[in-house]
Amino acid sequence: AESGGGLVQAGGSLRLSCAASGRIFIINDM
């Protein structure tokens, strides 16, 4: 599940987040 997208002016900042859920034993690369 991703979040944090939106509209920003050039030179600005945004922070995207992603949360994994469900049947998970271990996560390697992201």
mmCIF file of all heavy atoms, coordinates in Angstrom:
data_MODEL
# 
_entry.id   MODEL 
# 
loop_
_atom_site.group_PDB 
_atom_site.id 
_atom_site.type_symbol 
_atom_site.label_atom_id 
_atom_site.label_alt_id 
_atom_site.label_comp_id 
_atom_site.label_asym_id 
_atom_site.label_entity_id 
_atom_site.label_seq_id 
_atom_site.pdbx_PDB_ins_code 
_atom_site.Cartn_x 
_atom_site.Cartn_y 
_atom_site.Cartn_z 
_atom_site.occupancy 
_atom_site.B_iso_or_equiv 
_atom_site.pdbx_formal_charge 
_atom_site.auth_seq_id 
_atom_site.auth_comp_id 
_atom_site.auth_asym_id 
_atom_site.auth_atom_id 
_atom_site.pdbx_PDB_model_num 
ATOM 1   N N   . ALA A 1 1  ? 0.834  -1.188  0.000   1.00 0.00 ? 1  ALA A N   1 
ATOM 2   C CA  . ALA A 1 1  ? 0.000  0.000   0.000   1.00 0.00 ? 1  ALA A CA  1 
ATOM 3   C C   . ALA A 1 1  ? 0.875  1.246   0.000   1.00 0.00 ? 1  ALA A C   1 
ATOM 4   O O   . ALA A 1 1  ? 1.609  1.485   0.958   1.00 0.00 ? 1  ALA A O   1 
ATOM 5   C CB  . ALA A 1 1  ? -0.931 0.007   1.206   1.00 0.00 ? 1  ALA A CB  1 
ATOM 6   N N   . GLU A 1 2  ? 0.777  2.039   -1.060  1.00 0.00 ? 2  GLU A N   1 
ATOM 7   C CA  . GLU A 1 2  ? 1.560  3.258   -1.199  1.00 0.00 ? 2  GLU A CA  1 
ATOM 8   C C   . GLU A 1 2  ? 0.752  4.471   -0.760  1.00 0.00 ? 2  GLU A C   1 
ATOM 9   O O   . GLU A 1 2  ? -0.472 4.497   -0.878  1.00 0.00 ? 2  GLU A O   1 
ATOM 10  C CB  . GLU A 1 2  ? 2.008  3.444   -2.648  1.00 0.00 ? 2  GLU A CB  1 
ATOM 11  C CG  . GLU A 1 2  ? 2.881  2.330   -3.177  1.00 0.00 ? 2  GLU A CG  1 
ATOM 12  C CD  . GLU A 1 2  ? 2.386  1.800   -4.497  1.00 0.00 ? 2  GLU A CD  1 
ATOM 13  O OE1 . GLU A 1 2  ? 1.155  1.758   -4.695  1.00 0.00 ? 2  GLU A OE1 1 
ATOM 14  O OE2 . GLU A 1 2  ? 3.228  1.420   -5.329  1.00 0.00 ? 2  GLU A OE2 1 
ATOM 15  N N   . SER A 1 3  ? 1.470  5.481   -0.307  1.00 0.00 ? 3  SER A N   1 
ATOM 16  C CA  . SER A 1 3  ? 0.849  6.740   0.062   1.00 0.00 ? 3  SER A CA  1 
ATOM 17  C C   . SER A 1 3  ? 1.878  7.852   -0.054  1.00 0.00 ? 3  SER A C   1 
ATOM 18  O O   . SER A 1 3  ? 3.079  7.595   -0.122  1.00 0.00 ? 3  SER A O   1 
ATOM 19  C CB  . SER A 1 3  ? 0.284  6.689   1.484   1.00 0.00 ? 3  SER A CB  1 
ATOM 20  O OG  . SER A 1 3  ? 1.315  6.471   2.431   1.00 0.00 ? 3  SER A OG  1 
ATOM 21  N N   . GLY A 1 4  ? 1.403  9.085   -0.069  1.00 0.00 ? 4  GLY A N   1 
ATOM 22  C CA  . GLY A 1 4  ? 2.290  10.234  -0.059  1.00 0.00 ? 4  GLY A CA  1 
ATOM 23  C C   . GLY A 1 4  ? 2.413  10.981  -1.366  1.00 0.00 ? 4  GLY A C   1 
ATOM 24  O O   . GLY A 1 4  ? 3.035  12.048  -1.411  1.00 0.00 ? 4  GLY A O   1 
ATOM 25  N N   . GLY A 1 5  ? 1.848  10.447  -2.429  1.00 0.00 ? 5  GLY A N   1 
ATOM 26  C CA  . GLY A 1 5  ? 1.910  11.144  -3.700  1.00 0.00 ? 5  GLY A CA  1 
ATOM 27  C C   . GLY A 1 5  ? 1.058  12.396  -3.682  1.00 0.00 ? 5  GLY A C   1 
ATOM 28  O O   . GLY A 1 5  ? 0.212  12.592  -2.813  1.00 0.00 ? 5  GLY A O   1 
ATOM 29  N N   . GLY A 1 6  ? 1.289  13.251  -4.665  1.00 0.00 ? 6  GLY A N   1 
ATOM 30  C CA  . GLY A 1 6  ? 0.525  14.472  -4.744  1.00 0.00 ? 6  GLY A CA  1 
ATOM 31  C C   . GLY A 1 6  ? 1.150  15.468  -5.696  1.00 0.00 ? 6  GLY A C   1 
ATOM 32  O O   . GLY A 1 6  ? 2.000  15.119  -6.518  1.00 0.00 ? 6  GLY A O   1 
ATOM 33  N N   . LEU A 1 7  ? 0.709  16.703  -5.567  1.00 0.00 ? 7  LEU A N   1 
ATOM 34  C CA  . LEU A 1 7  ? 1.172  17.798  -6.411  1.00 0.00 ? 7  LEU A CA  1 
ATOM 35  C C   . LEU A 1 7  ? 2.145  18.667  -5.634  1.00 0.00 ? 7  LEU A C   1 
ATOM 36  O O   . LEU A 1 7  ? 1.867  19.050  -4.489  1.00 0.00 ? 7  LEU A O   1 
ATOM 37  C CB  . LEU A 1 7  ? -0.011 18.633  -6.890  1.00 0.00 ? 7  LEU A CB  1 
ATOM 38  C CG  . LEU A 1 7  ? 0.305  19.917  -7.658  1.00 0.00 ? 7  LEU A CG  1 
ATOM 39  C CD1 . LEU A 1 7  ? 0.998  19.594  -8.972  1.00 0.00 ? 7  LEU A CD1 1 
ATOM 40  C CD2 . LEU A 1 7  ? -0.967 20.711  -7.902  1.00 0.00 ? 7  LEU A CD2 1 
ATOM 41  N N   . VAL A 1 8  ? 3.260  18.983  -6.258  1.00 0.00 ? 8  VAL A N   1 
ATOM 42  C CA  . VAL A 1 8  ? 4.268  19.822  -5.624  1.00 0.00 ? 8  VAL A CA  1 
ATOM 43  C C   . VAL A 1 8  ? 4.934  20.690  -6.683  1.00 0.00 ? 8  VAL A C   1 
ATOM 44  O O   . VAL A 1 8  ? 5.022  20.299  -7.851  1.00 0.00 ? 8  VAL A O   1 
ATOM 45  C CB  . VAL A 1 8  ? 5.313  18.959  -4.882  1.00 0.00 ? 8  VAL A CB  1 
ATOM 46  C CG1 . VAL A 1 8  ? 6.108  18.113  -5.868  1.00 0.00 ? 8  VAL A CG1 1 
ATOM 47  C CG2 . VAL A 1 8  ? 6.242  19.819  -4.042  1.00 0.00 ? 8  VAL A CG2 1 
ATOM 48  N N   . GLN A 1 9  ? 5.364  21.860  -6.280  1.00 0.00 ? 9  GLN A N   1 
ATOM 49  C CA  . GLN A 1 9  ? 6.094  22.729  -7.195  1.00 0.00 ? 9  GLN A CA  1 
ATOM 50  C C   . GLN A 1 9  ? 7.523  22.248  -7.374  1.00 0.00 ? 9  GLN A C   1 
ATOM 51  O O   . GLN A 1 9  ? 8.084  21.581  -6.503  1.00 0.00 ? 9  GLN A O   1 
ATOM 52  C CB  . GLN A 1 9  ? 6.111  24.165  -6.673  1.00 0.00 ? 9  GLN A CB  1 
ATOM 53  C CG  . GLN A 1 9  ? 4.803  24.916  -6.808  1.00 0.00 ? 9  GLN A CG  1 
ATOM 54  C CD  . GLN A 1 9  ? 4.957  26.392  -6.486  1.00 0.00 ? 9  GLN A CD  1 
ATOM 55  O OE1 . GLN A 1 9  ? 5.718  26.770  -5.607  1.00 0.00 ? 9  GLN A OE1 1 
ATOM 56  N NE2 . GLN A 1 9  ? 4.232  27.229  -7.210  1.00 0.00 ? 9  GLN A NE2 1 
ATOM 57  N N   . ALA A 1 10 ? 8.104  22.577  -8.512  1.00 0.00 ? 10 ALA A N   1 
ATOM 58  C CA  . ALA A 1 10 ? 9.506  22.263  -8.736  1.00 0.00 ? 10 ALA A CA  1 
ATOM 59  C C   . ALA A 1 10 ? 10.347 22.841  -7.609  1.00 0.00 ? 10 ALA A C   1 
ATOM 60  O O   . ALA A 1 10 ? 10.151 23.981  -7.195  1.00 0.00 ? 10 ALA A O   1 
ATOM 61  C CB  . ALA A 1 10 ? 9.963  22.814  -10.082 1.00 0.00 ? 10 ALA A CB  1 
ATOM 62  N N   . GLY A 1 11 ? 11.267 22.027  -7.129  1.00 0.00 ? 11 GLY A N   1 
ATOM 63  C CA  . GLY A 1 11 ? 12.088 22.426  -6.002  1.00 0.00 ? 11 GLY A CA  1 
ATOM 64  C C   . GLY A 1 11 ? 11.538 21.987  -4.663  1.00 0.00 ? 11 GLY A C   1 
ATOM 65  O O   . GLY A 1 11 ? 12.250 22.061  -3.650  1.00 0.00 ? 11 GLY A O   1 
ATOM 66  N N   . GLY A 1 12 ? 10.315 21.515  -4.650  1.00 0.00 ? 12 GLY A N   1 
ATOM 67  C CA  . GLY A 1 12 ? 9.686  21.075  -3.422  1.00 0.00 ? 12 GLY A CA  1 
ATOM 68  C C   . GLY A 1 12 ? 10.019 19.643  -3.084  1.00 0.00 ? 12 GLY A C   1 
ATOM 69  O O   . GLY A 1 12 ? 10.842 18.996  -3.740  1.00 0.00 ? 12 GLY A O   1 
ATOM 70  N N   . SER A 1 13 ? 9.342  19.134  -2.056  1.00 0.00 ? 13 SER A N   1 
ATOM 71  C CA  . SER A 1 13 ? 9.624  17.796  -1.549  1.00 0.00 ? 13 SER A CA  1 
ATOM 72  C C   . SER A 1 13 ? 8.349  17.007  -1.329  1.00 0.00 ? 13 SER A C   1 
ATOM 73  O O   . SER A 1 13 ? 7.282  17.563  -1.063  1.00 0.00 ? 13 SER A O   1 
ATOM 74  C CB  . SER A 1 13 ? 10.388 17.875  -0.221  1.00 0.00 ? 13 SER A CB  1 
ATOM 75  O OG  . SER A 1 13 ? 11.637 18.521  -0.376  1.00 0.00 ? 13 SER A OG  1 
ATOM 76  N N   . LEU A 1 14 ? 8.466  15.705  -1.435  1.00 0.00 ? 14 LEU A N   1 
ATOM 77  C CA  . LEU A 1 14 ? 7.418  14.762  -1.097  1.00 0.00 ? 14 LEU A CA  1 
ATOM 78  C C   . LEU A 1 14 ? 8.051  13.547  -0.449  1.00 0.00 ? 14 LEU A C   1 
ATOM 79  O O   . LEU A 1 14 ? 9.208  13.224  -0.730  1.00 0.00 ? 14 LEU A O   1 
ATOM 80  C CB  . LEU A 1 14 ? 6.629  14.314  -2.334  1.00 0.00 ? 14 LEU A CB  1 
ATOM 81  C CG  . LEU A 1 14 ? 5.611  15.270  -2.941  1.00 0.00 ? 14 LEU A CG  1 
ATOM 82  C CD1 . LEU A 1 14 ? 5.064  14.673  -4.230  1.00 0.00 ? 14 LEU A CD1 1 
ATOM 83  C CD2 . LEU A 1 14 ? 4.478  15.548  -1.966  1.00 0.00 ? 14 LEU A CD2 1 
ATOM 84  N N   . ARG A 1 15 ? 7.283  12.887  0.384   1.00 0.00 ? 15 ARG A N   1 
ATOM 85  C CA  . ARG A 1 15 ? 7.743  11.657  1.006   1.00 0.00 ? 15 ARG A CA  1 
ATOM 86  C C   . ARG A 1 15 ? 6.731  10.559  0.708   1.00 0.00 ? 15 ARG A C   1 
ATOM 87  O O   . ARG A 1 15 ? 5.574  10.639  1.115   1.00 0.00 ? 15 ARG A O   1 
ATOM 88  C CB  . ARG A 1 15 ? 7.899  11.826  2.518   1.00 0.00 ? 15 ARG A CB  1 
ATOM 89  C CG  . ARG A 1 15 ? 8.457  10.591  3.229   1.00 0.00 ? 15 ARG A CG  1 
ATOM 90  C CD  . ARG A 1 15 ? 8.669  10.865  4.713   1.00 0.00 ? 15 ARG A CD  1 
ATOM 91  N NE  . ARG A 1 15 ? 9.145  9.701   5.447   1.00 0.00 ? 15 ARG A NE  1 
ATOM 92  C CZ  . ARG A 1 15 ? 10.413 9.330   5.545   1.00 0.00 ? 15 ARG A CZ  1 
ATOM 93  N NH1 . ARG A 1 15 ? 11.357 10.051  4.945   1.00 0.00 ? 15 ARG A NH1 1 
ATOM 94  N NH2 . ARG A 1 15 ? 10.755 8.254   6.243   1.00 0.00 ? 15 ARG A NH2 1 
ATOM 95  N N   . LEU A 1 16 ? 7.173  9.539   0.002   1.00 0.00 ? 16 LEU A N   1 
ATOM 96  C CA  . LEU A 1 16 ? 6.341  8.399   -0.315  1.00 0.00 ? 16 LEU A CA  1 
ATOM 97  C C   . LEU A 1 16 ? 6.565  7.292   0.704   1.00 0.00 ? 16 LEU A C   1 
ATOM 98  O O   . LEU A 1 16 ? 7.688  7.079   1.160   1.00 0.00 ? 16 LEU A O   1 
ATOM 99  C CB  . LEU A 1 16 ? 6.650  7.863   -1.714  1.00 0.00 ? 16 LEU A CB  1 
ATOM 100 C CG  . LEU A 1 16 ? 6.581  8.855   -2.878  1.00 0.00 ? 16 LEU A CG  1 
ATOM 101 C CD1 . LEU A 1 16 ? 6.857  8.130   -4.192  1.00 0.00 ? 16 LEU A CD1 1 
ATOM 102 C CD2 . LEU A 1 16 ? 5.232  9.556   -2.918  1.00 0.00 ? 16 LEU A CD2 1 
ATOM 103 N N   . SER A 1 17 ? 5.498  6.596   1.027   1.00 0.00 ? 17 SER A N   1 
ATOM 104 C CA  . SER A 1 17 ? 5.581  5.485   1.959   1.00 0.00 ? 17 SER A CA  1 
ATOM 105 C C   . SER A 1 17 ? 4.900  4.270   1.360   1.00 0.00 ? 17 SER A C   1 
ATOM 106 O O   . SER A 1 17 ? 3.958  4.387   0.578   1.00 0.00 ? 17 SER A O   1 
ATOM 107 C CB  . SER A 1 17 ? 4.928  5.840   3.297   1.00 0.00 ? 17 SER A CB  1 
ATOM 108 O OG  . SER A 1 17 ? 5.604  6.904   3.928   1.00 0.00 ? 17 SER A OG  1 
ATOM 109 N N   . CYS A 1 18 ? 5.370  3.104   1.741   1.00 0.00 ? 18 CYS A N   1 
ATOM 110 C CA  . CYS A 1 18 ? 4.805  1.850   1.276   1.00 0.00 ? 18 CYS A CA  1 
ATOM 111 C C   . CYS A 1 18 ? 4.840  0.857   2.419   1.00 0.00 ? 18 CYS A C   1 
ATOM 112 O O   . CYS A 1 18 ? 5.900  0.630   3.014   1.00 0.00 ? 18 CYS A O   1 
ATOM 113 C CB  . CYS A 1 18 ? 5.582  1.322   0.071   1.00 0.00 ? 18 CYS A CB  1 
ATOM 114 S SG  . CYS A 1 18 ? 5.087  -0.323  -0.482  1.00 0.00 ? 18 CYS A SG  1 
ATOM 115 N N   . ALA A 1 19 ? 3.706  0.266   2.700   1.00 0.00 ? 19 ALA A N   1 
ATOM 116 C CA  . ALA A 1 19 ? 3.597  -0.720  3.762   1.00 0.00 ? 19 ALA A CA  1 
ATOM 117 C C   . ALA A 1 19 ? 3.180  -2.066  3.184   1.00 0.00 ? 19 ALA A C   1 
ATOM 118 O O   . ALA A 1 19 ? 2.188  -2.159  2.462   1.00 0.00 ? 19 ALA A O   1 
ATOM 119 C CB  . ALA A 1 19 ? 2.592  -0.264  4.813   1.00 0.00 ? 19 ALA A CB  1 
ATOM 120 N N   . ALA A 1 20 ? 3.935  -3.087  3.494   1.00 0.00 ? 20 ALA A N   1 
ATOM 121 C CA  . ALA A 1 20 ? 3.616  -4.441  3.065   1.00 0.00 ? 20 ALA A CA  1 
ATOM 122 C C   . ALA A 1 20 ? 2.797  -5.137  4.143   1.00 0.00 ? 20 ALA A C   1 
ATOM 123 O O   . ALA A 1 20 ? 3.080  -5.000  5.338   1.00 0.00 ? 20 ALA A O   1 
ATOM 124 C CB  . ALA A 1 20 ? 4.880  -5.233  2.777   1.00 0.00 ? 20 ALA A CB  1 
ATOM 125 N N   . SER A 1 21 ? 1.796  -5.866  3.720   1.00 0.00 ? 21 SER A N   1 
ATOM 126 C CA  . SER A 1 21 ? 0.962  -6.594  4.662   1.00 0.00 ? 21 SER A CA  1 
ATOM 127 C C   . SER A 1 21 ? 0.512  -7.906  4.039   1.00 0.00 ? 21 SER A C   1 
ATOM 128 O O   . SER A 1 21 ? 0.634  -8.111  2.838   1.00 0.00 ? 21 SER A O   1 
ATOM 129 C CB  . SER A 1 21 ? -0.254 -5.761  5.078   1.00 0.00 ? 21 SER A CB  1 
ATOM 130 O OG  . SER A 1 21 ? -1.074 -5.466  3.960   1.00 0.00 ? 21 SER A OG  1 
ATOM 131 N N   . GLY A 1 22 ? -0.031 -8.771  4.862   1.00 0.00 ? 22 GLY A N   1 
ATOM 132 C CA  . GLY A 1 22 ? -0.501 -10.056 4.393   1.00 0.00 ? 22 GLY A CA  1 
ATOM 133 C C   . GLY A 1 22 ? 0.402  -11.186 4.852   1.00 0.00 ? 22 GLY A C   1 
ATOM 134 O O   . GLY A 1 22 ? 1.014  -11.117 5.913   1.00 0.00 ? 22 GLY A O   1 
ATOM 135 N N   . ARG A 1 23 ? 0.473  -12.209 4.021   1.00 0.00 ? 23 ARG A N   1 
ATOM 136 C CA  . ARG A 1 23 ? 1.277  -13.368 4.361   1.00 0.00 ? 23 ARG A CA  1 
ATOM 137 C C   . ARG A 1 23 ? 2.735  -13.079 4.048   1.00 0.00 ? 23 ARG A C   1 
ATOM 138 O O   . ARG A 1 23 ? 3.167  -13.123 2.894   1.00 0.00 ? 23 ARG A O   1 
ATOM 139 C CB  . ARG A 1 23 ? 0.791  -14.606 3.600   1.00 0.00 ? 23 ARG A CB  1 
ATOM 140 C CG  . ARG A 1 23 ? 1.357  -15.901 4.145   1.00 0.00 ? 23 ARG A CG  1 
ATOM 141 C CD  . ARG A 1 23 ? 0.629  -17.112 3.609   1.00 0.00 ? 23 ARG A CD  1 
ATOM 142 N NE  . ARG A 1 23 ? 0.873  -17.339 2.201   1.00 0.00 ? 23 ARG A NE  1 
ATOM 143 C CZ  . ARG A 1 23 ? 0.551  -18.448 1.548   1.00 0.00 ? 23 ARG A CZ  1 
ATOM 144 N NH1 . ARG A 1 23 ? -0.045 -19.435 2.195   1.00 0.00 ? 23 ARG A NH1 1 
ATOM 145 N NH2 . ARG A 1 23 ? 0.790  -18.559 0.258   1.00 0.00 ? 23 ARG A NH2 1 
ATOM 146 N N   . ILE A 1 24 ? 3.496  -12.770 5.073   1.00 0.00 ? 24 ILE A N   1 
ATOM 147 C CA  . ILE A 1 24 ? 4.896  -12.377 4.921   1.00 0.00 ? 24 ILE A CA  1 
ATOM 148 C C   . ILE A 1 24 ? 5.749  -13.134 5.917   1.00 0.00 ? 24 ILE A C   1 
ATOM 149 O O   . ILE A 1 24 ? 5.511  -13.066 7.122   1.00 0.00 ? 24 ILE A O   1 
ATOM 150 C CB  . ILE A 1 24 ? 5.081  -10.863 5.136   1.00 0.00 ? 24 ILE A CB  1 
ATOM 151 C CG1 . ILE A 1 24 ? 4.286  -10.057 4.116   1.00 0.00 ? 24 ILE A CG1 1 
ATOM 152 C CG2 . ILE A 1 24 ? 6.566  -10.512 5.062   1.00 0.00 ? 24 ILE A CG2 1 
ATOM 153 C CD1 . ILE A 1 24 ? 4.277  -8.576  4.394   1.00 0.00 ? 24 ILE A CD1 1 
ATOM 154 N N   . PHE A 1 25 ? 6.730  -13.827 5.412   1.00 0.00 ? 25 PHE A N   1 
ATOM 155 C CA  . PHE A 1 25 ? 7.725  -14.452 6.262   1.00 0.00 ? 25 PHE A CA  1 
ATOM 156 C C   . PHE A 1 25 ? 8.931  -13.529 6.408   1.00 0.00 ? 25 PHE A C   1 
ATOM 157 O O   . PHE A 1 25 ? 9.388  -13.261 7.521   1.00 0.00 ? 25 PHE A O   1 
ATOM 158 C CB  . PHE A 1 25 ? 8.143  -15.818 5.708   1.00 0.00 ? 25 PHE A CB  1 
ATOM 159 C CG  . PHE A 1 25 ? 9.262  -16.454 6.482   1.00 0.00 ? 25 PHE A CG  1 
ATOM 160 C CD1 . PHE A 1 25 ? 9.076  -16.860 7.791   1.00 0.00 ? 25 PHE A CD1 1 
ATOM 161 C CD2 . PHE A 1 25 ? 10.511 -16.649 5.908   1.00 0.00 ? 25 PHE A CD2 1 
ATOM 162 C CE1 . PHE A 1 25 ? 10.099 -17.447 8.522   1.00 0.00 ? 25 PHE A CE1 1 
ATOM 163 C CE2 . PHE A 1 25 ? 11.544 -17.239 6.625   1.00 0.00 ? 25 PHE A CE2 1 
ATOM 164 C CZ  . PHE A 1 25 ? 11.332 -17.635 7.935   1.00 0.00 ? 25 PHE A CZ  1 
ATOM 165 N N   . ILE A 1 26 ? 9.439  -13.043 5.276   1.00 0.00 ? 26 ILE A N   1 
ATOM 166 C CA  . ILE A 1 26 ? 10.562 -12.132 5.292   1.00 0.00 ? 26 ILE A CA  1 
ATOM 167 C C   . ILE A 1 26 ? 10.570 -11.342 3.988   1.00 0.00 ? 26 ILE A C   1 
ATOM 168 O O   . ILE A 1 26 ? 10.145 -11.835 2.949   1.00 0.00 ? 26 ILE A O   1 
ATOM 169 C CB  . ILE A 1 26 ? 11.897 -12.880 5.484   1.00 0.00 ? 26 ILE A CB  1 
ATOM 170 C CG1 . ILE A 1 26 ? 13.026 -11.918 5.823   1.00 0.00 ? 26 ILE A CG1 1 
ATOM 171 C CG2 . ILE A 1 26 ? 12.231 -13.724 4.265   1.00 0.00 ? 26 ILE A CG2 1 
ATOM 172 C CD1 . ILE A 1 26 ? 14.299 -12.618 6.266   1.00 0.00 ? 26 ILE A CD1 1 
ATOM 173 N N   . ILE A 1 27 ? 11.039 -10.106 4.063   1.00 0.00 ? 27 ILE A N   1 
ATOM 174 C CA  . ILE A 1 27 ? 11.160 -9.246  2.896   1.00 0.00 ? 27 ILE A CA  1 
ATOM 175 C C   . ILE A 1 27 ? 12.634 -9.017  2.599   1.00 0.00 ? 27 ILE A C   1 
ATOM 176 O O   . ILE A 1 27 ? 13.385 -8.594  3.481   1.00 0.00 ? 27 ILE A O   1 
ATOM 177 C CB  . ILE A 1 27 ? 10.466 -7.889  3.108   1.00 0.00 ? 27 ILE A CB  1 
ATOM 178 C CG1 . ILE A 1 27 ? 8.992  -8.097  3.458   1.00 0.00 ? 27 ILE A CG1 1 
ATOM 179 C CG2 . ILE A 1 27 ? 10.603 -7.021  1.858   1.00 0.00 ? 27 ILE A CG2 1 
ATOM 180 C CD1 . ILE A 1 27 ? 8.244  -6.810  3.741   1.00 0.00 ? 27 ILE A CD1 1 
ATOM 181 N N   . ASN A 1 28 ? 13.023 -9.294  1.368   1.00 0.00 ? 28 ASN A N   1 
ATOM 182 C CA  . ASN A 1 28 ? 14.398 -9.058  0.958   1.00 0.00 ? 28 ASN A CA  1 
ATOM 183 C C   . ASN A 1 28 ? 14.527 -7.627  0.412   1.00 0.00 ? 28 ASN A C   1 
ATOM 184 O O   . ASN A 1 28 ? 14.357 -6.671  1.162   1.00 0.00 ? 28 ASN A O   1 
ATOM 185 C CB  . ASN A 1 28 ? 14.827 -10.107 -0.075  1.00 0.00 ? 28 ASN A CB  1 
ATOM 186 C CG  . ASN A 1 28 ? 16.322 -10.116 -0.296  1.00 0.00 ? 28 ASN A CG  1 
ATOM 187 O OD1 . ASN A 1 28 ? 17.089 -9.597  0.509   1.00 0.00 ? 28 ASN A OD1 1 
ATOM 188 N ND2 . ASN A 1 28 ? 16.761 -10.708 -1.405  1.00 0.00 ? 28 ASN A ND2 1 
ATOM 189 N N   . ASP A 1 29 ? 14.788 -7.482  -0.864  1.00 0.00 ? 29 ASP A N   1 
ATOM 190 C CA  . ASP A 1 29 ? 14.939 -6.147  -1.436  1.00 0.00 ? 29 ASP A CA  1 
ATOM 191 C C   . ASP A 1 29 ? 13.603 -5.428  -1.524  1.00 0.00 ? 29 ASP A C   1 
ATOM 192 O O   . ASP A 1 29 ? 12.558 -6.038  -1.746  1.00 0.00 ? 29 ASP A O   1 
ATOM 193 C CB  . ASP A 1 29 ? 15.556 -6.220  -2.828  1.00 0.00 ? 29 ASP A CB  1 
ATOM 194 C CG  . ASP A 1 29 ? 16.976 -6.738  -2.825  1.00 0.00 ? 29 ASP A CG  1 
ATOM 195 O OD1 . ASP A 1 29 ? 17.589 -6.806  -1.741  1.00 0.00 ? 29 ASP A OD1 1 
ATOM 196 O OD2 . ASP A 1 29 ? 17.488 -7.066  -3.913  1.00 0.00 ? 29 ASP A OD2 1 
ATOM 197 N N   . MET A 1 30 ? 13.644 -4.117  -1.378  1.00 0.00 ? 30 MET A N   1 
ATOM 198 C CA  . MET A 1 30 ? 12.495 -3.258  -1.594  1.00 0.00 ? 30 MET A CA  1 
ATOM 199 C C   . MET A 1 30 ? 12.943 -2.096  -2.461  1.00 0.00 ? 30 MET A C   1 
ATOM 200 O O   . MET A 1 30 ? 14.130 -1.761  -2.498  1.00 0.00 ? 30 MET A O   1 
ATOM 201 C CB  . MET A 1 30 ? 11.910 -2.739  -0.281  1.00 0.00 ? 30 MET A CB  1 
ATOM 202 C CG  . MET A 1 30 ? 11.514 -3.821  0.705   1.00 0.00 ? 30 MET A CG  1 
ATOM 203 S SD  . MET A 1 30 ? 10.686 -3.168  2.185   1.00 0.00 ? 30 MET A SD  1 
ATOM 204 C CE  . MET A 1 30 ? 9.009  -2.960  1.546   1.00 0.00 ? 30 MET A CE  1 
# 
